[in-house]
Amino acid sequence: MIVKQQLHKLSIKYHRVVLGEVDVAEDLIAEQLWELKKNLLKFGLEILDDRKSILIEKIKKVIVEMVHYADEPVKINFSDYLSDKLNHDYTYMANLFSELVGINIEHYIIMHKIERVKELLVYDELSLTEISYQLHYSSVAHLSNQFKKITGLTPSHFKKYRDTKLMGLVNP
C-alpha cells in the first residue's frame, strides 16, 4: 500500500506491485527515481535497481517461501528448485550469493531451516520425525546434528530450555 501511494504521489505509472517488486510502465528519469527512493526510505524501504542485488533478494525470497511456507517438502534438490524457480544457472547464483551476502546459499538455507525447526518445536504440534520429513532432512539424526551445530543445543534441550523459561514467566 505504501509503495502504491508513493508511486501515485509521484505520478509514476506501474503495471503491478507485489511484495518486494514493482513493475513500472516506463523507465524512470533520474529525478523520479531519486524522489521515489527518498520517499520510500522514510518507511524503511529501499529500491534495488542493480540486477545482481535484485537476484539476491529473489533468491532469499524463494528460500524463505520454500522453508517457511511450503505445504509439502520440495521433491527435488534445492539447487534445481532455485534454478527452476528463478531461471538462472545455480552455479552463477551460488557464486553471486556468496560474493554479495558473505555466506553460501546452503548455509543460508540451513539457517532458515533451523529457524523453522525452532518454530515447529515451539508449536509442539509435530514430532521431530515429522519435522525432519517436512524440512527435507534425511533423518532425525541429521536434523539434530545440524540443529546443535547452529544453536549449540539439541532440539530436546532447546524445547526444555524454552519450556522452563516460559514457566518462569508464568510462575514468578
Protein backbone atom coordinates (compact mmCIF):
# COMPACT_ATOMS: atom_id res chain seq x y z
CA MET A 1 0.00 0.00 0.00
CA ILE A 2 2.82 2.41 0.90
CA VAL A 3 4.61 1.75 -2.37
CA LYS A 4 1.45 2.30 -4.41
CA GLN A 5 0.79 5.55 -2.56
CA GLN A 6 4.29 6.82 -3.27
CA LEU A 7 4.09 5.82 -6.94
CA HIS A 8 0.76 7.63 -7.24
CA LYS A 9 2.10 10.68 -5.39
CA LEU A 10 4.94 10.93 -7.93
CA SER A 11 2.66 10.16 -10.91
CA ILE A 12 4.65 7.06 -11.77
CA LYS A 13 2.65 4.58 -13.82
CA TYR A 14 3.06 0.91 -13.00
CA HIS A 15 1.69 -2.44 -14.15
CA ARG A 16 1.77 -4.25 -10.81
CA VAL A 17 3.04 -4.04 -7.27
CA VAL A 18 3.56 -7.31 -5.39
CA LEU A 19 5.54 -7.96 -2.25
CA GLY A 20 9.08 -6.90 -2.96
CA GLU A 21 8.57 -5.99 -6.61
CA VAL A 22 7.26 -3.15 -8.72
CA ASP A 23 6.80 -3.36 -12.47
CA VAL A 24 6.86 0.24 -13.71
CA ALA A 25 5.20 1.06 -17.04
CA GLU A 26 8.11 3.13 -18.34
CA ASP A 27 11.70 3.94 -17.45
CA LEU A 28 12.03 6.49 -14.68
CA ILE A 29 14.03 9.63 -15.11
CA ALA A 30 16.79 10.16 -12.56
CA GLU A 31 14.76 12.74 -10.60
CA GLN A 32 11.73 10.42 -10.28
CA LEU A 33 13.92 7.55 -9.12
CA TRP A 34 15.68 9.77 -6.57
CA GLU A 35 12.35 11.09 -5.21
CA LEU A 36 10.90 7.59 -5.00
CA LYS A 37 13.99 6.28 -3.20
CA LYS A 38 13.88 9.19 -0.76
CA ASN A 39 10.15 8.78 -0.07
CA LEU A 40 10.33 5.00 0.41
CA LEU A 41 13.36 5.28 2.70
CA LYS A 42 11.17 7.23 5.15
CA PHE A 43 9.17 3.99 5.56
CA GLY A 44 12.26 1.80 5.85
CA LEU A 45 12.01 0.59 2.26
CA GLU A 46 14.75 0.74 -0.33
CA ILE A 47 14.88 0.35 -4.08
CA LEU A 48 17.19 -2.21 -5.55
CA ASP A 49 17.90 -1.19 -9.11
CA ASP A 50 21.03 -3.28 -9.51
CA ARG A 51 20.28 -6.58 -11.31
CA LYS A 52 22.61 -8.57 -9.05
CA SER A 53 21.05 -7.22 -5.86
CA ILE A 54 17.59 -7.93 -7.24
CA LEU A 55 18.57 -11.53 -7.99
CA ILE A 56 19.97 -11.94 -4.45
CA GLU A 57 16.68 -10.71 -2.96
CA LYS A 58 14.75 -13.10 -5.20
CA ILE A 59 16.96 -16.00 -4.06
CA LYS A 60 16.31 -15.07 -0.42
CA LYS A 61 12.58 -14.78 -1.05
CA VAL A 62 12.38 -18.21 -2.73
CA ILE A 63 14.35 -19.79 0.13
CA VAL A 64 12.09 -18.23 2.77
CA GLU A 65 8.97 -19.34 0.89
CA MET A 66 10.39 -22.82 0.40
CA VAL A 67 11.43 -23.32 4.03
CA HIS A 68 8.74 -21.43 5.94
CA TYR A 69 5.61 -21.60 3.79
CA ALA A 70 5.71 -24.72 1.60
CA ASP A 71 2.93 -27.18 2.46
CA GLU A 72 4.83 -30.14 1.06
CA PRO A 73 8.55 -30.90 1.13
CA VAL A 74 10.39 -29.99 -2.05
CA LYS A 75 10.71 -33.14 -4.14
CA ILE A 76 13.88 -32.06 -5.98
CA ASN A 77 17.16 -30.82 -4.57
CA PHE A 78 17.33 -27.16 -3.60
CA SER A 79 19.80 -26.19 -6.32
CA ASP A 80 17.46 -27.49 -9.05
CA TYR A 81 14.48 -25.90 -7.30
CA LEU A 82 16.17 -22.47 -7.20
CA SER A 83 17.34 -22.77 -10.81
CA ASP A 84 13.86 -23.73 -11.99
CA LYS A 85 12.14 -21.05 -9.94
CA LEU A 86 14.46 -18.19 -10.96
CA ASN A 87 15.56 -19.33 -14.43
CA HIS A 88 19.26 -18.93 -13.68
CA ASP A 89 22.19 -21.29 -13.55
CA TYR A 90 22.67 -22.44 -9.96
CA THR A 91 26.46 -22.08 -10.04
CA TYR A 92 26.11 -18.44 -11.13
CA MET A 93 23.55 -17.75 -8.37
CA ALA A 94 25.64 -19.54 -5.74
CA ASN A 95 28.79 -17.61 -6.61
CA LEU A 96 26.95 -14.28 -6.73
CA PHE A 97 25.19 -15.01 -3.43
CA SER A 98 28.46 -15.88 -1.67
CA GLU A 99 30.16 -12.80 -3.09
CA LEU A 100 27.44 -10.32 -2.13
CA VAL A 101 25.97 -11.86 1.04
CA GLY A 102 29.13 -13.31 2.54
CA ILE A 103 27.77 -16.81 3.16
CA ASN A 104 26.87 -19.55 0.74
CA ILE A 105 23.31 -20.43 -0.26
CA GLU A 106 23.46 -23.76 1.53
CA HIS A 107 24.32 -22.09 4.85
CA TYR A 108 21.54 -19.53 4.31
CA ILE A 109 19.07 -22.39 3.72
CA ILE A 110 20.32 -24.24 6.81
CA MET A 111 19.90 -21.13 8.97
CA HIS A 112 16.30 -20.75 7.79
CA LYS A 113 15.58 -24.44 8.23
CA ILE A 114 16.83 -24.28 11.83
CA GLU A 115 14.66 -21.22 12.48
CA ARG A 116 11.71 -23.17 11.10
CA VAL A 117 12.58 -26.16 13.31
CA LYS A 118 12.56 -23.82 16.33
CA GLU A 119 9.10 -22.52 15.36
CA LEU A 120 7.74 -26.02 14.90
CA LEU A 121 9.22 -27.17 18.22
CA VAL A 122 7.59 -24.24 19.98
CA TYR A 123 4.19 -25.00 18.38
CA ASP A 124 4.58 -28.57 19.66
CA GLU A 125 2.21 -29.99 17.03
CA LEU A 126 4.68 -32.20 15.14
CA SER A 127 7.12 -34.85 16.26
CA LEU A 128 10.81 -34.44 15.44
CA THR A 129 10.39 -37.18 12.82
CA GLU A 130 7.57 -35.22 11.15
CA ILE A 131 9.60 -32.01 11.31
CA SER A 132 12.62 -33.70 9.73
CA TYR A 133 10.43 -35.04 6.90
CA GLN A 134 8.69 -31.70 6.36
CA LEU A 135 12.03 -29.88 6.12
CA HIS A 136 13.59 -32.45 3.80
CA TYR A 137 16.17 -33.88 6.22
CA SER A 138 17.46 -37.36 5.50
CA SER A 139 16.95 -38.36 9.15
CA VAL A 140 16.15 -37.08 12.62
CA ALA A 141 19.83 -37.52 13.49
CA HIS A 142 20.84 -35.25 10.61
CA LEU A 143 18.36 -32.59 11.74
CA SER A 144 19.55 -32.90 15.36
CA ASN A 145 23.22 -32.63 14.41
CA GLN A 146 22.60 -29.57 12.25
CA PHE A 147 20.40 -28.00 14.94
CA LYS A 148 23.10 -28.47 17.58
CA LYS A 149 25.81 -27.14 15.26
CA ILE A 150 23.84 -23.92 14.68
CA THR A 151 22.23 -23.35 18.11
CA GLY A 152 24.57 -25.18 20.46
CA LEU A 153 21.59 -27.19 21.78
CA THR A 154 19.88 -30.38 20.79
CA PRO A 155 16.23 -29.96 19.74
CA SER A 156 15.06 -31.57 23.00
CA HIS A 157 17.27 -29.27 25.10
CA PHE A 158 16.02 -26.27 23.13
CA LYS A 159 12.43 -27.28 23.84
CA LYS A 160 13.15 -27.98 27.52
CA TYR A 161 15.00 -24.67 27.90
CA ARG A 162 12.18 -22.79 26.23
CA ASP A 163 9.52 -24.53 28.35
CA THR A 164 11.49 -23.79 31.53
CA LYS A 165 11.86 -20.16 30.50
CA LEU A 166 8.11 -19.88 29.87
CA MET A 167 7.33 -21.50 33.19
CA GLY A 168 9.46 -18.85 34.88
CA LEU A 169 7.39 -16.16 33.19
CA VAL A 170 4.10 -17.78 34.14
CA ASN A 171 5.01 -18.58 37.77
CA PRO A 172 7.16 -15.75 39.10
